[in-house]
Amino acid sequence: MSGGGSVPIKLTANMSKGGIAQFECQQLESAMEKELAQLLATASKTEHNQVKKDFEGFQKLFRSLLQRKGPSVEWDKIQKAPEDSIQPYDKIEGRGLPNDISSLLSKLVVVKLNGGLGTSMGCKGPKSLISVRNENTFLDLTVLQIEHLNRTYDADVPLVLMNSFNTDEDTKKILQKYNHYAVKIHTFNQSRYPRINRESMLPVATDNSSTGFNAEAWYPPGHGDIYASFYNSGLLDIFLEQGKEYMFVSNIDNLGATVDLNILHHLLNPPSGRQCEFVMEVTDKTRADVKGGTLIQYDGKLRLLEIAQVPKTHVDEFKSVTKFKIFNTNNLWISLTAISRLQHQNAIDMEIILNPKTLDDGLNVIQLETAVGAAIKCFENALGVNVPRSRFLPVKTTSDLMLVMSNLYSLDAGSLTMSVKREFRTVPLVKLGSSFTKVQDYLTRLESIPDIIELDHLTVSGDVTFGKHVVLKGTVIIIANHGDRIDIPPGAILENKIVSGNLRILDH
């Protein structure tokens, strides 16, 4: 809504001066409260309670934003995470597994973050419904993985999907196809928060609907919302009553995020006897991961440091592979009793991410978001586990899609494994140009996925197509100049080659 009494405020300028004056804070908070009450009044009877809960969560974030004084971290107080707070995976794996795997799995719930759309890859609907391998979608592969686990160990691990209002309806329609699989599937929705007009600092929505003018007025507030939404859905209490102890949370587009029995065993049978309430899987940073969040010690606690929190003068230092050697994969193992306790105490505190957006009509808005890993500092005896790179295989672009669709990986029971024919266990660097951004265009330009077993680096730019059975080795750069087109012929073998617009093939 954009009613009267709005308090103009230059958000970023005021924040950097150490917060907003108290009087101004009270004015903004009071104006926001009034607007939200008016929006709530337009909700239907069936929606009322949910919308009220959503708005309460939103107001808590908004209040925290107004009360924020200066930066969320002081650079000089950052310390390297202590050696024993980040365990090498080999050490955990070295303990071996107990005979009764089924009893381990009886304590586990798998949660996949399923709130995102496929728009960045040119697809409509939930991202989890994009086909990624042998006609299997992200969701298919997830279900296959857990079904295999349940059948192999005679277990009953449930799959829980955290949907958003953007993905819920389409996801639920698809779930019927899994009725005969050995997996119980549950869903809950993350919150629906109002976008804020950057100038007035008030919601842009005119009523509670999500249609017409209000289609762009709402957003899902990042995966940090999982704690409150999971708790409010009632599922947390149900799983605790069933004797479940941990949830394994990961992004549904990370194809490396499978259930790891060694980490689960470590959590349920801690060698020190002290229960660990939160495990974050981290992996070694490469130059491709310089923007990823890292684990630090801060005020005596393990803490996630994101690039958005880093002062501009220290960004290069943050990106350094030598100082901050690991990054967060967003594969997290979290104690259910700890979530319940912290929710009761209202003690889950996460840094606010300010996400500026521009709507289709040009209006500048702000989204207040949080990240699930940022809550690590609230849990007792938290731990980082430095896992193999194979546990981080996200598909964010068609360049990533080429990797997972290729002969670099084999598919078994929903899990991707790197081919034994690959001499070096590193993943090639693939950069496909803007002509390949949309999945449909990408599929049209590739008659078949090239053989990339021996590829190190591929860059493609411009109007390029690939015939069947192309083999790429070493470093291959293909650049079609504006107005030109390059068709890589069927069966071509390119090894350490640069192919330019006039089709000269040069040794690299």
Protein backbone atom coordinates (compact mmCIF):
# COMPACT_ATOMS: atom_id res chain seq x y z
CA MET A 1 0.00 0.00 0.00
CA SER A 2 1.15 3.54 -0.53
CA GLY A 3 -1.09 5.45 1.85
CA GLY A 4 -0.27 8.79 3.48
CA GLY A 5 2.15 9.39 6.33
CA SER A 6 5.13 7.77 4.60
CA VAL A 7 8.55 8.74 5.89
CA PRO A 8 11.03 9.27 3.04
CA ILE A 9 14.39 7.79 3.91
CA LYS A 10 17.60 7.19 2.05
CA LEU A 11 18.19 3.71 3.38
CA THR A 12 21.81 3.00 2.55
CA ALA A 13 23.06 6.48 3.41
CA ASN A 14 21.46 6.46 6.84
CA MET A 15 22.55 2.91 7.60
CA SER A 16 26.18 3.72 7.01
CA LYS A 17 26.00 6.58 9.51
CA GLY A 18 25.25 4.14 12.29
CA GLY A 19 21.56 3.40 12.14
CA ILE A 20 18.46 5.56 11.95
CA ALA A 21 17.56 8.16 14.57
CA GLN A 22 15.24 6.70 17.21
CA PHE A 23 12.36 9.08 16.45
CA GLU A 24 12.56 8.26 12.74
CA CYS A 25 12.63 4.54 13.61
CA GLN A 26 9.44 4.82 15.62
CA GLN A 27 7.72 6.73 12.81
CA LEU A 28 8.71 4.13 10.21
CA GLU A 29 7.73 1.23 12.42
CA SER A 30 4.37 2.76 13.24
CA ALA A 31 3.65 3.54 9.55
CA MET A 32 4.61 -0.03 8.57
CA GLU A 33 2.39 -1.51 11.29
CA LYS A 34 -0.57 0.51 10.05
CA GLU A 35 -0.02 -0.52 6.41
CA LEU A 36 0.32 -4.20 7.31
CA ALA A 37 -2.89 -4.06 9.35
CA GLN A 38 -4.70 -2.67 6.30
CA LEU A 39 -3.26 -5.41 4.07
CA LEU A 40 -4.21 -8.09 6.62
CA ALA A 41 -7.79 -6.81 6.60
CA THR A 42 -8.01 -7.71 2.88
CA ALA A 43 -7.00 -11.37 3.47
CA SER A 44 -9.70 -14.04 3.25
CA LYS A 45 -10.74 -16.00 6.36
CA THR A 46 -8.76 -19.05 5.23
CA GLU A 47 -5.62 -16.97 4.62
CA HIS A 48 -5.86 -14.73 7.68
CA ASN A 49 -3.84 -16.76 10.20
CA GLN A 50 -1.03 -17.54 7.74
CA VAL A 51 -0.78 -13.95 6.55
CA LYS A 52 -0.72 -12.76 10.19
CA LYS A 53 2.21 -15.11 10.95
CA ASP A 54 4.03 -13.99 7.81
CA PHE A 55 3.61 -10.33 8.74
CA GLU A 56 4.84 -10.97 12.29
CA GLY A 57 8.03 -12.49 10.85
CA PHE A 58 8.40 -9.62 8.42
CA GLN A 59 7.95 -7.00 11.16
CA LYS A 60 10.65 -8.68 13.24
CA LEU A 61 13.07 -8.35 10.30
CA PHE A 62 12.00 -4.78 9.57
CA ARG A 63 12.49 -3.81 13.23
CA SER A 64 15.97 -5.39 13.24
CA LEU A 65 16.83 -3.44 10.10
CA LEU A 66 15.78 -0.13 11.66
CA GLN A 67 17.69 -0.82 14.87
CA ARG A 68 20.86 -1.91 13.09
CA LYS A 69 23.84 0.18 14.06
CA GLY A 70 26.74 0.19 11.60
CA PRO A 71 28.12 -2.92 9.85
CA SER A 72 27.06 -6.42 10.99
CA VAL A 73 30.72 -7.43 11.40
CA GLU A 74 33.76 -5.44 12.47
CA TRP A 75 36.62 -6.61 10.27
CA ASP A 76 39.23 -6.31 13.03
CA LYS A 77 37.27 -8.73 15.25
CA ILE A 78 37.28 -11.51 12.64
CA GLN A 79 39.43 -14.47 13.60
CA LYS A 80 40.34 -17.59 11.71
CA ALA A 81 38.10 -20.52 12.67
CA PRO A 82 39.96 -22.77 15.19
CA GLU A 83 41.50 -25.91 13.67
CA ASP A 84 39.20 -28.30 15.57
CA SER A 85 36.05 -26.38 14.53
CA ILE A 86 36.44 -27.48 10.89
CA GLN A 87 36.99 -31.22 10.65
CA PRO A 88 38.42 -32.89 7.52
CA TYR A 89 35.89 -35.32 6.04
CA ASP A 90 38.55 -38.07 5.96
CA LYS A 91 38.71 -38.03 9.76
CA ILE A 92 34.94 -38.48 10.05
CA GLU A 93 34.90 -41.16 7.36
CA GLY A 94 37.82 -42.94 9.07
CA ARG A 95 35.65 -43.86 12.05
CA GLY A 96 33.75 -46.31 9.85
CA LEU A 97 30.02 -47.05 10.04
CA PRO A 98 28.04 -49.12 12.55
CA ASN A 99 26.35 -52.34 11.40
CA ASP A 100 22.85 -50.97 11.90
CA ILE A 101 22.56 -48.22 9.26
CA SER A 102 18.77 -48.41 9.46
CA SER A 103 18.75 -47.10 13.05
CA LEU A 104 20.91 -44.12 11.96
CA LEU A 105 18.51 -43.30 9.15
CA SER A 106 15.50 -43.60 11.47
CA LYS A 107 16.68 -40.34 13.09
CA LEU A 108 16.92 -38.36 9.81
CA VAL A 109 14.67 -36.03 7.82
CA VAL A 110 15.81 -34.73 4.40
CA VAL A 111 14.74 -31.18 3.56
CA LYS A 112 15.22 -29.68 0.10
CA LEU A 113 14.96 -25.94 -0.55
CA ASN A 114 12.45 -25.77 -3.39
CA GLY A 115 11.38 -22.13 -3.48
CA GLY A 116 13.14 -21.03 -6.66
CA LEU A 117 11.85 -20.59 -10.20
CA GLY A 118 13.72 -21.54 -13.37
CA THR A 119 13.52 -18.02 -14.81
CA SER A 120 17.31 -17.44 -14.83
CA MET A 121 17.57 -20.43 -17.21
CA GLY A 122 14.64 -19.27 -19.35
CA CYS A 123 12.17 -21.80 -17.90
CA LYS A 124 8.70 -21.26 -16.47
CA GLY A 125 7.65 -22.79 -13.15
CA PRO A 126 9.73 -24.35 -10.36
CA LYS A 127 13.41 -24.86 -11.09
CA SER A 128 13.19 -28.36 -9.58
CA LEU A 129 11.05 -29.47 -12.55
CA ILE A 130 13.76 -28.78 -15.17
CA SER A 131 15.12 -31.97 -16.80
CA VAL A 132 18.80 -32.36 -15.98
CA ARG A 133 19.76 -35.94 -16.82
CA ASN A 134 18.12 -38.72 -18.88
CA GLU A 135 14.79 -36.85 -18.74
CA ASN A 136 15.00 -36.81 -14.92
CA THR A 137 14.28 -33.50 -13.16
CA PHE A 138 16.02 -32.26 -10.00
CA LEU A 139 12.99 -33.51 -8.06
CA ASP A 140 13.04 -36.93 -9.78
CA LEU A 141 16.71 -37.40 -8.87
CA THR A 142 16.06 -36.40 -5.24
CA VAL A 143 13.18 -38.88 -4.91
CA LEU A 144 15.24 -41.64 -6.57
CA GLN A 145 18.14 -41.05 -4.16
CA ILE A 146 15.98 -41.30 -1.05
CA GLU A 147 13.98 -44.24 -2.36
CA HIS A 148 17.27 -46.09 -3.00
CA LEU A 149 18.39 -45.30 0.56
CA ASN A 150 15.09 -46.53 2.03
CA ARG A 151 15.07 -49.75 -0.01
CA THR A 152 18.77 -50.53 0.55
CA TYR A 153 18.66 -50.13 4.34
CA ASP A 154 14.97 -50.91 4.99
CA ALA A 155 14.56 -47.36 6.26
CA ASP A 156 11.83 -44.73 6.16
CA VAL A 157 13.61 -41.41 5.58
CA PRO A 158 11.00 -38.76 4.70
CA LEU A 159 11.56 -36.07 2.07
CA VAL A 160 10.37 -32.57 2.94
CA LEU A 161 10.16 -29.80 0.34
CA MET A 162 10.23 -26.17 1.43
CA ASN A 163 8.19 -24.54 -1.33
CA SER A 164 7.44 -20.88 -1.88
CA PHE A 165 4.15 -19.38 -3.07
CA ASN A 166 5.84 -19.33 -6.50
CA THR A 167 6.45 -23.09 -6.63
CA ASP A 168 3.89 -24.71 -4.32
CA GLU A 169 0.99 -25.31 -6.71
CA ASP A 170 3.07 -26.70 -9.59
CA THR A 171 5.14 -28.89 -7.24
CA LYS A 172 2.05 -30.41 -5.59
CA LYS A 173 0.59 -31.35 -8.99
CA ILE A 174 3.76 -33.29 -9.83
CA LEU A 175 4.01 -35.08 -6.46
CA GLN A 176 1.19 -37.47 -7.39
CA LYS A 177 3.57 -39.28 -9.73
CA TYR A 178 5.64 -40.44 -6.73
CA ASN A 179 2.73 -42.11 -4.89
CA HIS A 180 4.14 -45.60 -5.54
CA TYR A 181 7.72 -44.74 -4.55
CA ALA A 182 9.15 -45.85 -1.18
CA VAL A 183 9.39 -42.25 0.04
CA LYS A 184 6.97 -40.24 2.17
CA ILE A 185 6.93 -36.68 0.82
CA HIS A 186 5.83 -33.67 2.87
CA THR A 187 5.70 -30.01 1.89
CA PHE A 188 5.47 -26.72 3.70
CA ASN A 189 5.59 -23.17 2.45
CA GLN A 190 8.10 -20.53 3.34
CA SER A 191 6.72 -17.11 4.22
CA ARG A 192 5.38 -14.54 1.79
CA TYR A 193 6.69 -11.06 2.59
CA PRO A 194 5.78 -7.66 1.10
CA ARG A 195 8.32 -5.86 -1.06
CA ILE A 196 9.10 -2.37 0.23
CA ASN A 197 9.13 0.80 -1.85
CA ARG A 198 12.70 2.09 -1.57
CA GLU A 199 11.57 5.70 -1.18
CA SER A 200 8.57 5.46 1.14
CA MET A 201 9.81 2.37 3.03
CA LEU A 202 6.25 0.99 2.89
CA PRO A 203 4.79 -2.09 1.14
CA VAL A 204 4.00 -1.68 -2.57
CA ALA A 205 1.01 -4.06 -2.33
CA THR A 206 -2.48 -2.54 -2.44
CA ASP A 207 -4.18 -5.64 -1.00
CA ASN A 208 -3.34 -9.24 -0.08
CA SER A 209 -3.81 -10.65 -3.58
CA SER A 210 -0.97 -11.82 -5.84
CA THR A 211 -2.62 -10.93 -9.14
CA GLY A 212 -2.72 -7.89 -11.42
CA PHE A 213 -0.92 -4.91 -9.92
CA ASN A 214 0.10 -7.00 -6.90
CA ALA A 215 1.73 -9.83 -8.89
CA GLU A 216 5.17 -8.38 -8.15
CA ALA A 217 4.36 -7.08 -4.66
CA TRP A 218 5.44 -10.20 -2.74
CA TYR A 219 8.57 -12.33 -2.39
CA PRO A 220 9.83 -15.43 -0.53
CA PRO A 221 12.37 -14.09 2.01
CA GLY A 222 15.40 -16.35 1.43
CA HIS A 223 16.09 -19.78 2.92
CA GLY A 224 16.81 -18.40 6.41
CA ASP A 225 13.03 -18.45 6.75
CA ILE A 226 13.17 -22.27 7.09
CA TYR A 227 13.37 -22.25 10.90
CA ALA A 228 10.16 -20.28 11.53
CA SER A 229 8.22 -21.76 8.60
CA PHE A 230 9.13 -25.37 9.44
CA TYR A 231 8.20 -24.75 13.08
CA ASN A 232 4.92 -22.98 12.19
CA SER A 233 3.93 -25.73 9.73
CA GLY A 234 3.64 -28.25 12.57
CA LEU A 235 6.01 -30.68 10.79
CA LEU A 236 8.83 -30.07 13.27
CA ASP A 237 6.69 -31.30 16.19
CA ILE A 238 5.47 -34.30 14.17
CA PHE A 239 9.03 -35.40 13.37
CA LEU A 240 10.18 -34.90 16.98
CA GLU A 241 7.28 -37.10 18.15
CA GLN A 242 8.45 -39.76 15.65
CA GLY A 243 11.91 -39.73 17.26
CA LYS A 244 13.68 -37.88 14.43
CA GLU A 245 16.76 -35.97 15.58
CA TYR A 246 18.41 -34.23 12.61
CA MET A 247 17.45 -32.67 9.34
CA PHE A 248 19.77 -32.57 6.35
CA VAL A 249 19.04 -29.37 4.44
CA SER A 250 20.35 -28.53 0.96
CA ASN A 251 19.45 -26.70 -2.25
CA ILE A 252 17.46 -28.92 -4.60
CA ASP A 253 19.70 -27.81 -7.50
CA ASN A 254 22.86 -29.12 -5.78
CA LEU A 255 23.14 -32.58 -7.33
CA GLY A 256 26.06 -33.46 -5.02
CA ALA A 257 23.99 -33.05 -1.85
CA THR A 258 23.14 -36.69 -1.13
CA VAL A 259 22.65 -38.18 2.34
CA ASP A 260 26.09 -38.86 3.80
CA LEU A 261 26.05 -41.72 6.31
CA ASN A 262 29.46 -40.82 7.80
CA ILE A 263 28.35 -37.32 8.81
CA LEU A 264 25.05 -38.68 10.16
CA HIS A 265 26.95 -41.27 12.24
CA HIS A 266 29.29 -38.55 13.56
CA LEU A 267 26.29 -36.49 14.69
CA LEU A 268 24.36 -39.32 16.33
CA ASN A 269 27.43 -40.89 17.97
CA PRO A 270 29.76 -37.95 18.65
CA PRO A 271 33.30 -39.10 19.56
CA SER A 272 33.57 -36.40 22.23
CA GLY A 273 30.19 -37.27 23.74
CA ARG A 274 29.09 -33.64 23.21
CA GLN A 275 26.14 -33.30 20.90
CA CYS A 276 26.78 -31.11 17.87
CA GLU A 277 23.66 -29.09 16.99
CA PHE A 278 24.75 -27.78 13.59
CA VAL A 279 27.11 -29.04 10.89
CA MET A 280 27.94 -26.93 7.85
CA GLU A 281 29.57 -28.74 4.95
CA VAL A 282 32.32 -26.57 3.51
CA THR A 283 34.74 -27.35 0.70
CA ASP A 284 38.01 -25.93 -0.59
CA LYS A 285 37.63 -22.65 -2.43
CA THR A 286 38.79 -22.32 -6.03
CA ARG A 287 38.91 -19.18 -8.12
CA ALA A 288 35.37 -20.00 -9.30
CA ASP A 289 34.04 -19.75 -5.73
CA VAL A 290 35.50 -16.46 -4.52
CA LYS A 291 32.07 -15.01 -3.70
CA GLY A 292 30.99 -17.95 -1.51
CA GLY A 293 30.41 -17.42 2.23
CA THR A 294 33.12 -18.67 4.59
CA LEU A 295 33.37 -19.79 8.23
CA ILE A 296 35.11 -17.54 10.75
CA GLN A 297 35.43 -17.20 14.52
CA TYR A 298 33.65 -14.10 15.82
CA ASP A 299 32.88 -13.23 19.44
CA GLY A 300 33.89 -16.76 20.43
CA LYS A 301 31.40 -18.43 18.06
CA LEU A 302 31.64 -20.06 14.66
CA ARG A 303 30.00 -17.71 12.19
CA LEU A 304 29.18 -17.53 8.49
CA LEU A 305 30.68 -14.51 6.74
CA GLU A 306 29.00 -13.56 3.46
CA ILE A 307 30.45 -11.21 0.84
CA ALA A 308 27.54 -8.79 1.39
CA GLN A 309 28.79 -8.21 4.98
CA VAL A 310 32.35 -7.42 3.93
CA PRO A 311 33.42 -3.73 3.85
CA LYS A 312 34.38 -2.65 0.31
CA THR A 313 38.00 -2.10 1.35
CA HIS A 314 38.30 -5.78 2.35
CA VAL A 315 36.46 -7.49 -0.53
CA ASP A 316 39.69 -8.53 -2.29
CA GLU A 317 40.95 -9.99 0.98
CA PHE A 318 37.66 -11.92 1.38
CA LYS A 319 37.99 -13.32 -2.15
CA SER A 320 41.55 -14.46 -1.50
CA VAL A 321 41.98 -18.22 -1.80
CA THR A 322 44.92 -18.11 0.63
CA LYS A 323 43.27 -16.32 3.59
CA PHE A 324 39.76 -17.78 3.39
CA LYS A 325 40.35 -21.26 2.05
CA ILE A 326 36.87 -22.78 2.31
CA PHE A 327 33.31 -21.82 1.43
CA ASN A 328 29.81 -22.87 2.47
CA THR A 329 28.13 -25.49 0.22
CA ASN A 330 24.76 -24.87 1.95
CA ASN A 331 24.58 -28.57 2.85
CA LEU A 332 23.58 -28.34 6.51
CA TRP A 333 22.79 -30.85 9.26
CA ILE A 334 20.72 -29.32 12.06
CA SER A 335 19.35 -30.69 15.32
CA LEU A 336 15.54 -30.67 15.41
CA THR A 337 15.38 -30.30 19.22
CA ALA A 338 17.74 -27.32 18.96
CA ILE A 339 15.51 -25.64 16.34
CA SER A 340 12.48 -26.20 18.58
CA ARG A 341 14.29 -24.77 21.63
CA LEU A 342 15.60 -21.71 19.78
CA GLN A 343 12.22 -21.01 18.16
CA HIS A 344 10.54 -21.15 21.60
CA GLN A 345 13.14 -18.73 22.91
CA ASN A 346 12.87 -16.49 19.84
CA ALA A 347 16.66 -16.81 19.76
CA ILE A 348 17.46 -17.46 16.10
CA ASP A 349 19.27 -14.35 14.97
CA MET A 350 20.42 -13.99 11.36
CA GLU A 351 21.99 -11.05 9.57
CA ILE A 352 19.58 -9.26 7.25
CA ILE A 353 20.39 -9.33 3.55
CA LEU A 354 19.15 -6.21 1.75
CA ASN A 355 18.27 -7.27 -1.77
CA PRO A 356 17.42 -4.31 -4.06
CA LYS A 357 15.18 -5.09 -7.06
CA THR A 358 13.57 -3.11 -9.85
CA LEU A 359 9.99 -4.09 -10.78
CA ASP A 360 8.79 -4.30 -14.39
CA ASP A 361 7.31 -0.78 -14.13
CA GLY A 362 10.70 0.61 -13.04
CA LEU A 363 9.83 0.96 -9.34
CA ASN A 364 12.83 0.41 -7.03
CA VAL A 365 12.03 -1.93 -4.16
CA ILE A 366 13.86 -3.68 -1.33
CA GLN A 367 13.55 -7.28 -0.17
CA LEU A 368 14.60 -8.21 3.36
CA GLU A 369 16.06 -11.72 3.34
CA THR A 370 18.04 -14.10 5.55
CA ALA A 371 20.27 -17.13 4.82
CA VAL A 372 19.83 -20.49 6.56
CA GLY A 373 23.57 -20.90 7.29
CA ALA A 374 23.76 -17.55 9.10
CA ALA A 375 22.02 -19.12 12.12
CA ILE A 376 25.08 -21.30 12.84
CA LYS A 377 26.17 -18.86 15.57
CA CYS A 378 22.95 -19.56 17.53
CA PHE A 379 23.54 -23.32 17.88
CA GLU A 380 25.71 -25.08 20.45
CA ASN A 381 28.90 -26.92 19.53
CA ALA A 382 28.57 -26.07 15.82
CA LEU A 383 31.03 -27.67 13.42
CA GLY A 384 32.29 -27.27 9.89
CA VAL A 385 33.14 -30.41 7.91
CA ASN A 386 35.49 -29.97 4.95
CA VAL A 387 33.91 -32.32 2.39
CA PRO A 388 35.09 -33.42 -1.07
CA ARG A 389 34.19 -31.09 -3.93
CA SER A 390 31.89 -33.80 -5.30
CA ARG A 391 29.32 -32.82 -2.64
CA PHE A 392 28.95 -29.42 -4.29
CA LEU A 393 27.52 -29.78 -7.79
CA PRO A 394 25.05 -26.91 -8.22
CA VAL A 395 23.22 -26.27 -11.48
CA LYS A 396 22.66 -22.52 -11.70
CA THR A 397 23.29 -22.03 -15.45
CA THR A 398 23.29 -23.98 -18.71
CA SER A 399 27.10 -24.14 -18.38
CA ASP A 400 26.54 -26.22 -15.21
CA LEU A 401 23.85 -28.19 -17.05
CA MET A 402 26.35 -29.18 -19.77
CA LEU A 403 28.62 -30.67 -17.09
CA VAL A 404 25.93 -32.79 -15.41
CA MET A 405 24.41 -33.95 -18.72
CA SER A 406 27.80 -35.02 -20.11
CA ASN A 407 29.82 -38.23 -19.98
CA LEU A 408 31.82 -36.65 -17.15
CA TYR A 409 29.23 -38.19 -14.81
CA SER A 410 27.36 -41.46 -14.61
CA LEU A 411 23.92 -41.74 -12.99
CA ASP A 412 23.10 -44.44 -10.48
CA ALA A 413 19.95 -44.47 -8.31
CA GLY A 414 19.56 -40.69 -8.66
CA SER A 415 23.18 -39.91 -7.73
CA LEU A 416 25.83 -38.55 -10.08
CA THR A 417 29.36 -39.95 -9.86
CA MET A 418 32.36 -38.61 -11.76
CA SER A 419 33.62 -40.99 -14.45
CA VAL A 420 36.66 -43.10 -13.57
CA LYS A 421 38.01 -42.19 -17.03
CA ARG A 422 38.59 -38.62 -15.79
CA GLU A 423 42.27 -38.56 -14.87
CA PHE A 424 42.06 -35.40 -12.73
CA ARG A 425 39.16 -35.26 -10.28
CA THR A 426 38.58 -31.55 -10.91
CA VAL A 427 35.52 -30.24 -12.75
CA PRO A 428 36.23 -28.44 -16.07
CA LEU A 429 35.52 -24.72 -16.23
CA VAL A 430 32.71 -24.18 -18.77
CA LYS A 431 31.54 -20.71 -19.85
CA LEU A 432 28.75 -20.69 -22.42
CA GLY A 433 27.80 -17.30 -23.88
CA SER A 434 24.44 -15.52 -23.83
CA SER A 435 23.15 -17.49 -26.87
CA PHE A 436 23.04 -20.53 -24.55
CA THR A 437 21.44 -18.89 -21.47
CA LYS A 438 17.96 -20.35 -21.97
CA VAL A 439 17.62 -24.12 -21.67
CA GLN A 440 15.62 -24.31 -24.91
CA ASP A 441 18.31 -22.42 -26.89
CA TYR A 442 21.04 -24.51 -25.27
CA LEU A 443 19.33 -27.78 -26.28
CA THR A 444 18.76 -26.50 -29.82
CA ARG A 445 22.44 -25.62 -30.26
CA LEU A 446 23.72 -29.03 -29.11
CA GLU A 447 22.82 -32.04 -31.27
CA SER A 448 24.40 -34.11 -28.52
CA ILE A 449 26.40 -33.19 -25.43
CA PRO A 450 30.12 -33.16 -26.33
CA ASP A 451 32.56 -35.66 -24.82
CA ILE A 452 34.36 -33.60 -22.13
CA ILE A 453 36.22 -36.33 -20.21
CA GLU A 454 39.56 -34.64 -21.00
CA LEU A 455 38.35 -31.03 -21.04
CA ASP A 456 39.95 -28.41 -18.77
CA HIS A 457 38.36 -25.20 -19.97
CA LEU A 458 35.66 -24.31 -22.51
CA THR A 459 34.59 -20.80 -23.49
CA VAL A 460 31.87 -20.33 -26.14
CA SER A 461 30.71 -16.91 -27.34
CA GLY A 462 28.32 -15.88 -30.11
CA ASP A 463 26.24 -17.92 -32.57
CA VAL A 464 27.76 -21.41 -32.18
CA THR A 465 26.26 -24.89 -32.69
CA PHE A 466 27.68 -28.35 -31.98
CA GLY A 467 27.09 -31.40 -34.18
CA LYS A 468 26.82 -34.94 -32.79
CA HIS A 469 29.73 -36.74 -31.07
CA VAL A 470 32.03 -33.70 -30.76
CA VAL A 471 35.06 -34.29 -28.47
CA LEU A 472 36.58 -31.39 -26.51
CA LYS A 473 39.99 -31.72 -24.80
CA GLY A 474 42.30 -29.38 -22.91
CA THR A 475 41.43 -25.70 -23.43
CA VAL A 476 38.93 -24.90 -26.18
CA ILE A 477 37.78 -21.37 -27.00
CA ILE A 478 35.10 -20.84 -29.68
CA ILE A 479 34.20 -17.26 -30.57
CA ALA A 480 31.78 -16.36 -33.37
CA ASN A 481 32.02 -12.69 -34.20
CA HIS A 482 28.87 -10.59 -34.47
CA GLY A 483 26.98 -11.62 -37.61
CA ASP A 484 29.02 -14.82 -38.06
CA ARG A 485 28.01 -18.35 -37.16
CA ILE A 486 30.21 -21.29 -36.28
CA ASP A 487 28.94 -24.85 -36.70
CA ILE A 488 31.25 -27.37 -35.09
CA PRO A 489 30.90 -30.38 -37.44
CA PRO A 490 29.77 -33.82 -36.19
CA GLY A 491 32.63 -35.97 -34.90
CA ALA A 492 35.05 -33.02 -34.60
CA ILE A 493 37.85 -33.44 -32.06
CA LEU A 494 39.08 -30.11 -30.69
CA GLU A 495 42.12 -30.28 -28.43
CA ASN A 496 43.72 -27.03 -27.18
CA LYS A 497 42.14 -25.03 -30.00
CA ILE A 498 40.87 -21.51 -30.56
CA VAL A 499 38.08 -21.36 -33.16
CA SER A 500 37.34 -17.82 -34.30
CA GLY A 501 34.68 -16.23 -36.48
CA ASN A 502 36.27 -17.12 -39.79
CA LEU A 503 36.58 -20.80 -38.76
CA ARG A 504 40.38 -20.84 -38.65
CA ILE A 505 41.39 -23.51 -36.15
CA LEU A 506 44.54 -22.46 -34.30
CA ASP A 507 46.66 -24.38 -31.78
CA HIS A 508 46.22 -22.99 -28.27
